[in-house]
């Protein structure tokens, strides 16, 4: 089996993982309704759905949007930031939920505003790439763009959220504890993916072909998507109770 075939299979496997996880977290959010748990799972759904949308954006590719491959990379990184922030917004109430035995209703309803904001940004990202190409190209050719600032931000953001989740998981209640470990694996896999991009794409410390670079990225994405799907499966089991 060729490397190209393996990369394609990796793409579909990771995409399927994100799709399944999106469906499961959506079911949990609907099950718990207007409550802290419903808010938490809504954030997790938004983040996971964005990751699935990223795979669609990447599949459509540069030709569809009439932009460069490098610009596709920039745009999906913007979506990545929103997805990881969605997870962070979901993890924070889990700490309060664990400390208050499920009685807190803090910030319930804010997930709807975040969802609307995310939807607007996603729509713009699918509409304006061609019009914004000169601006994106200017960034790509700038010193910070050449150094891979967008990769670095994604790496740092993943590291911060992953570290936060690791530090507070002991404060989680039953549900938070159930999903903490697979979510930690997923977020650190995302962080490693972007660190790999820094090393191989931006800094050229690792000198291999672009196809091999993508192949390693797919490994991290498969790990992340399956971990999120596993966490979502555990969430779904609670939603049945």
Protein backbone atom coordinates (compact mmCIF):
# COMPACT_ATOMS: atom_id res chain seq x y z
CA UNK A 1 0.00 0.00 0.00
CA UNK A 2 1.45 3.36 -1.04
CA UNK A 3 2.07 6.25 1.32
CA UNK A 4 -0.49 8.34 -0.57
CA UNK A 5 -3.14 5.67 0.00
CA UNK A 6 -2.28 5.49 3.70
CA UNK A 7 -2.57 9.28 4.03
CA UNK A 8 -5.96 9.20 2.31
CA UNK A 9 -7.15 6.44 4.63
CA UNK A 10 -5.82 8.45 7.57
CA UNK A 11 -7.80 11.47 6.42
CA UNK A 12 -11.07 9.54 6.22
CA UNK A 13 -10.46 7.77 9.53
CA UNK A 14 -9.79 11.02 11.39
CA UNK A 15 -12.74 12.72 9.68
CA UNK A 16 -15.02 9.84 10.66
CA UNK A 17 -13.76 10.05 14.24
CA UNK A 18 -14.58 13.75 14.43
CA UNK A 19 -18.00 13.17 12.85
CA UNK A 20 -18.94 10.38 15.27
CA UNK A 21 -17.71 12.41 18.23
CA UNK A 22 -19.71 15.44 17.05
CA UNK A 23 -22.89 13.39 16.88
CA UNK A 24 -22.33 11.86 20.31
CA UNK A 25 -21.60 15.18 22.05
CA UNK A 26 -24.62 16.73 20.33
CA UNK A 27 -26.83 13.94 21.69
CA UNK A 28 -25.44 14.51 25.19
CA UNK A 29 -25.99 18.28 24.96
CA UNK A 30 -29.61 17.76 23.86
CA UNK A 31 -30.18 15.17 26.60
CA UNK A 32 -29.05 17.50 29.40
CA UNK A 33 -30.79 20.55 27.95
CA UNK A 34 -30.59 23.92 29.70
CA UNK A 35 -28.25 22.95 32.50
CA UNK A 36 -24.57 23.19 33.35
CA UNK A 37 -24.00 19.76 31.82
CA UNK A 38 -25.91 20.77 28.72
CA UNK A 39 -23.72 23.89 28.44
CA UNK A 40 -20.52 21.88 28.91
CA UNK A 41 -21.40 19.34 26.25
CA UNK A 42 -22.51 22.11 23.91
CA UNK A 43 -19.01 23.58 24.08
CA UNK A 44 -17.51 20.14 23.47
CA UNK A 45 -19.86 19.67 20.52
CA UNK A 46 -18.93 23.04 19.02
CA UNK A 47 -15.21 22.30 19.31
CA UNK A 48 -15.49 18.81 17.85
CA UNK A 49 -17.80 19.94 15.04
CA UNK A 50 -15.25 22.61 14.11
CA UNK A 51 -12.58 19.93 13.82
CA UNK A 52 -14.86 18.01 11.46
CA UNK A 53 -15.50 21.18 9.45
CA UNK A 54 -11.73 21.67 9.20
CA UNK A 55 -11.49 18.31 7.43
CA UNK A 56 -14.15 19.46 4.94
CA UNK A 57 -12.28 22.73 4.34
CA UNK A 58 -9.04 20.83 3.74
CA UNK A 59 -10.77 18.39 1.38
CA UNK A 60 -12.21 21.23 -0.72
CA UNK A 61 -8.68 22.56 -0.95
CA UNK A 62 -6.88 25.42 -2.62
CA UNK A 63 -8.45 25.01 -6.08
CA UNK A 64 -11.98 25.25 -4.73
CA UNK A 65 -11.29 28.53 -2.93
CA UNK A 66 -8.90 29.82 -5.61
CA UNK A 67 -6.13 30.37 -3.08
CA UNK A 68 -2.68 28.90 -2.44
CA UNK A 69 -2.06 25.73 -0.43
CA UNK A 70 -0.26 27.88 2.14
CA UNK A 71 -3.39 30.03 2.55
CA UNK A 72 -5.52 26.94 3.16
CA UNK A 73 -3.11 26.18 6.00
CA UNK A 74 -3.61 29.63 7.53
CA UNK A 75 -7.42 29.49 7.37
CA UNK A 76 -7.78 26.09 8.97
CA UNK A 77 -5.47 27.17 11.77
CA UNK A 78 -7.92 29.96 12.60
CA UNK A 79 -10.65 27.35 12.90
CA UNK A 80 -8.34 25.24 15.06
CA UNK A 81 -7.97 28.10 17.55
CA UNK A 82 -11.74 28.33 17.93
CA UNK A 83 -12.07 24.58 18.43
CA UNK A 84 -9.48 24.43 21.19
CA UNK A 85 -10.97 27.48 22.90
CA UNK A 86 -14.36 25.75 22.80
CA UNK A 87 -12.88 22.84 24.72
CA UNK A 88 -11.38 25.21 27.28
CA UNK A 89 -14.73 26.95 27.77
CA UNK A 90 -16.28 23.53 28.33
CA UNK A 91 -13.61 22.31 30.75
CA UNK A 92 -13.85 25.33 33.08
CA UNK A 93 -17.43 24.64 34.27
CA UNK A 94 -16.49 20.99 34.85
CA UNK A 95 -14.25 22.12 37.71
CA UNK A 96 -17.06 24.11 39.33
CA UNK A 97 -19.46 21.25 38.71
CA UNK A 98 -17.18 18.83 40.54
CA UNK A 99 -16.64 21.20 43.47
CA UNK A 100 -20.34 21.96 43.93
CA UNK A 101 -21.79 18.46 43.45
CA UNK A 102 -23.55 19.51 40.27
CA UNK A 103 -25.46 22.46 41.71
CA UNK A 104 -23.82 25.33 39.82
CA UNK A 105 -25.56 26.97 36.89
CA UNK A 106 -22.73 29.39 36.14
CA UNK A 107 -22.66 30.84 32.61
CA UNK A 108 -25.42 28.58 31.29
CA UNK A 109 -26.54 30.09 28.01
CA UNK A 110 -23.15 31.58 27.07
CA UNK A 111 -22.49 28.55 24.87
CA UNK A 112 -25.23 29.76 22.51
CA UNK A 113 -23.47 33.10 22.02
CA UNK A 114 -20.18 31.31 21.44
CA UNK A 115 -21.90 28.96 18.99
CA UNK A 116 -23.37 31.87 17.02
CA UNK A 117 -20.01 33.66 16.98
CA UNK A 118 -18.25 30.48 15.81
CA UNK A 119 -20.85 29.92 13.09
CA UNK A 120 -20.39 33.46 11.78
CA UNK A 121 -16.60 33.12 11.73
CA UNK A 122 -16.82 29.74 9.99
CA UNK A 123 -19.14 31.18 7.35
CA UNK A 124 -16.72 34.03 6.72
CA UNK A 125 -13.80 31.62 6.45
CA UNK A 126 -15.65 29.70 3.73
CA UNK A 127 -16.65 32.92 1.91
CA UNK A 128 -13.74 35.36 1.99
CA UNK A 129 -10.49 33.40 1.38
CA UNK A 130 -10.15 34.49 -2.24
CA UNK A 131 -10.87 38.14 -1.41
CA UNK A 132 -8.44 38.07 1.51
CA UNK A 133 -5.66 36.31 -0.42
CA UNK A 134 -3.44 39.44 -0.69
CA UNK A 135 -3.56 39.93 3.08
CA UNK A 136 -2.87 36.26 3.80
CA UNK A 137 -0.04 36.20 1.27
CA UNK A 138 1.50 39.25 2.93
CA UNK A 139 1.48 37.38 6.23
CA UNK A 140 2.87 34.20 4.67
CA UNK A 141 5.85 36.04 3.19
CA UNK A 142 6.52 38.13 6.32
CA UNK A 143 9.26 37.13 8.80
CA UNK A 144 6.71 35.95 11.40
CA UNK A 145 4.85 33.97 8.76
CA UNK A 146 8.04 32.30 7.60
CA UNK A 147 8.85 31.41 11.20
CA UNK A 148 5.45 29.71 11.49
CA UNK A 149 3.65 31.99 13.95
CA UNK A 150 0.32 30.27 13.19
CA UNK A 151 1.83 26.87 14.04
CA UNK A 152 3.42 28.29 17.18
CA UNK A 153 0.13 29.80 18.41
CA UNK A 154 -1.65 26.48 17.85
CA UNK A 155 1.11 24.62 19.69
CA UNK A 156 1.09 27.01 22.67
CA UNK A 157 -2.72 27.10 22.83
CA UNK A 158 -2.92 23.29 22.81
CA UNK A 159 -0.21 23.09 25.46
CA UNK A 160 -1.96 25.60 27.72
CA UNK A 161 -5.37 23.93 27.45
CA UNK A 162 -3.84 20.46 27.83
CA UNK A 163 -1.87 21.57 30.89
CA UNK A 164 -4.95 23.21 32.39
CA UNK A 165 -7.00 20.05 31.94
CA UNK A 166 -4.20 17.94 33.43
CA UNK A 167 -3.90 20.23 36.47
CA UNK A 168 -7.61 20.39 37.28
CA UNK A 169 -8.82 16.91 36.42
CA UNK A 170 -8.70 15.90 40.10
CA UNK A 171 -11.34 18.57 40.73
CA UNK A 172 -13.74 17.09 38.20
CA UNK A 173 -16.87 15.26 39.17
CA UNK A 174 -17.79 11.81 37.89
CA UNK A 175 -18.48 12.87 34.32
CA UNK A 176 -15.42 15.13 34.08
CA UNK A 177 -13.18 12.38 35.36
CA UNK A 178 -14.61 9.95 32.81
CA UNK A 179 -13.65 12.12 29.85
CA UNK A 180 -10.53 13.87 31.19
CA UNK A 181 -7.89 11.32 30.17
CA UNK A 182 -8.98 10.78 26.54
CA UNK A 183 -9.39 14.55 26.10
CA UNK A 184 -5.89 15.14 27.50
CA UNK A 185 -4.53 12.64 24.97
CA UNK A 186 -6.44 14.37 22.17
CA UNK A 187 -5.28 17.88 23.02
CA UNK A 188 -1.67 16.88 23.48
CA UNK A 189 -1.85 15.05 20.15
CA UNK A 190 -2.96 18.33 18.57
CA UNK A 191 -0.09 20.11 20.28
CA UNK A 192 2.42 17.56 18.98
CA UNK A 193 0.96 17.87 15.49
CA UNK A 194 1.65 21.61 15.45
CA UNK A 195 5.08 21.19 17.02
CA UNK A 196 5.82 18.74 14.23
CA UNK A 197 4.67 21.31 11.68
CA UNK A 198 7.02 23.86 13.21
CA UNK A 199 9.97 21.48 13.03
CA UNK A 200 9.28 20.11 9.55
CA UNK A 201 7.47 22.89 7.67
CA UNK A 202 8.51 26.21 9.17
CA UNK A 203 11.92 25.68 10.73
CA UNK A 204 13.04 22.90 8.35
CA UNK A 205 14.88 21.16 11.18
CA UNK A 206 13.55 17.84 9.89
CA UNK A 207 14.23 17.56 6.16
CA UNK A 208 11.70 15.18 4.61
CA UNK A 209 9.15 15.36 1.79
CA UNK A 210 5.82 17.15 2.23
CA UNK A 211 4.05 13.84 1.79
CA UNK A 212 5.95 12.31 4.71
CA UNK A 213 5.23 15.41 6.79
CA UNK A 214 1.51 15.01 6.10
CA UNK A 215 1.70 11.31 6.90
CA UNK A 216 3.02 12.00 10.40
CA UNK A 217 0.37 14.71 10.88
CA UNK A 218 -2.34 12.17 10.05
CA UNK A 219 -1.07 9.90 12.83
CA UNK A 220 -1.55 12.67 15.38
CA UNK A 221 -4.98 13.53 13.97
CA UNK A 222 -6.13 9.90 14.08
CA UNK A 223 -5.04 9.66 17.73
CA UNK A 224 -6.86 12.91 18.54
CA UNK A 225 -10.08 12.05 16.72
CA UNK A 226 -10.32 8.55 18.19
CA UNK A 227 -9.60 9.89 21.68
CA UNK A 228 -12.36 12.50 21.34
CA UNK A 229 -14.73 9.86 19.96
CA UNK A 230 -13.94 7.64 22.97
CA UNK A 231 -14.56 10.55 25.35
CA UNK A 232 -17.82 11.29 23.54
CA UNK A 233 -18.83 7.63 23.86
CA UNK A 234 -18.35 7.87 27.62
CA UNK A 235 -20.32 11.11 27.63
CA UNK A 236 -23.13 9.41 25.71
CA UNK A 237 -23.31 6.68 28.35
CA UNK A 238 -23.98 9.32 31.00
CA UNK A 239 -26.61 10.93 28.80
CA UNK A 240 -28.57 7.66 28.84
CA UNK A 241 -28.84 7.70 32.62
